[in-house]
Amino acid sequence: MTNQNTIGSTIRRLRTERGLHRDDFAKRIGIEGGHLYRLEEGFHSPSAKIITKMCLEFQVSADVILGIKN
């Protein structure tokens, strides 16, 4: 079972491993930096559309972002 904190920490880890600043990455996937902050902190869950954009940017499957696979 996944939760918002797991998803958020995975998004943050993937972003920082790639050396991406929060605002720059948010712009690349079409959201505001504050929204990305709330996703990473676990206050909100990303929509399917945002997960899809993150998968393309990070070149990983949704399973990775959702914390199902490493």
Protein backbone atom coordinates (compact mmCIF):
# COMPACT_ATOMS: atom_id res chain seq x y z
CA MET A 1 0.00 0.00 0.00
CA THR A 2 1.33 3.43 -0.84
CA ASN A 3 0.62 6.74 0.82
CA GLN A 4 1.11 10.40 0.04
CA ASN A 5 4.32 10.65 2.09
CA THR A 6 5.90 7.74 0.20
CA ILE A 7 4.92 9.22 -3.14
CA GLY A 8 6.15 12.66 -2.15
CA SER A 9 9.50 11.42 -0.86
CA THR A 10 9.96 9.38 -4.04
CA ILE A 11 9.24 12.42 -6.21
CA ARG A 12 11.70 14.49 -4.19
CA ARG A 13 14.36 11.76 -4.38
CA LEU A 14 14.00 11.36 -8.15
CA ARG A 15 14.09 15.13 -8.66
CA THR A 16 17.15 15.73 -6.48
CA GLU A 17 19.04 12.73 -7.91
CA ARG A 18 18.73 14.43 -11.26
CA GLY A 19 19.86 17.78 -9.89
CA LEU A 20 16.57 19.52 -10.68
CA HIS A 21 15.45 22.57 -8.73
CA ARG A 22 11.83 22.34 -7.53
CA ASP A 23 10.60 25.36 -9.52
CA ASP A 24 12.38 24.26 -12.70
CA PHE A 25 10.97 20.76 -12.51
CA ALA A 26 7.50 22.06 -11.71
CA LYS A 27 7.61 24.24 -14.81
CA ARG A 28 8.72 21.28 -16.94
CA ILE A 29 5.66 19.27 -15.89
CA GLY A 30 3.25 22.22 -16.08
CA ILE A 31 2.52 22.96 -12.42
CA GLU A 32 3.46 25.68 -9.94
CA GLY A 33 6.44 25.23 -7.62
CA GLY A 34 4.14 25.48 -4.61
CA HIS A 35 2.02 22.64 -5.92
CA LEU A 36 5.11 20.46 -6.34
CA TYR A 37 6.13 21.36 -2.79
CA ARG A 38 2.74 20.17 -1.49
CA LEU A 39 3.07 16.92 -3.46
CA GLU A 40 6.56 16.28 -2.10
CA GLU A 41 5.48 17.03 1.45
CA GLY A 42 2.54 14.63 1.17
CA PHE A 43 -0.19 17.24 1.51
CA HIS A 44 -1.68 16.21 -1.86
CA SER A 45 -1.51 13.24 -4.20
CA PRO A 46 -0.54 13.80 -7.83
CA SER A 47 -3.18 13.31 -10.49
CA ALA A 48 -2.76 10.65 -13.16
CA LYS A 49 -1.85 13.41 -15.62
CA ILE A 50 0.95 14.69 -13.37
CA ILE A 51 2.21 11.16 -12.68
CA THR A 52 2.36 10.54 -16.43
CA LYS A 53 4.37 13.73 -16.99
CA MET A 54 6.75 12.79 -14.15
CA CYS A 55 7.23 9.31 -15.62
CA LEU A 56 8.24 10.84 -18.92
CA GLU A 57 10.60 13.35 -17.31
CA PHE A 58 12.20 10.83 -14.94
CA GLN A 59 12.05 7.96 -17.46
CA VAL A 60 10.57 5.58 -14.89
CA SER A 61 7.30 3.68 -14.62
CA ALA A 62 4.41 4.86 -12.52
CA ASP A 63 5.15 1.93 -10.20
CA VAL A 64 8.36 3.68 -9.16
CA ILE A 65 6.66 7.01 -8.43
CA LEU A 66 3.86 5.28 -6.55
CA GLY A 67 6.38 3.38 -4.43
CA ILE A 68 5.40 -0.06 -5.73
CA LYS A 69 8.84 -0.71 -7.29
CA ASN A 70 12.29 0.73 -6.62
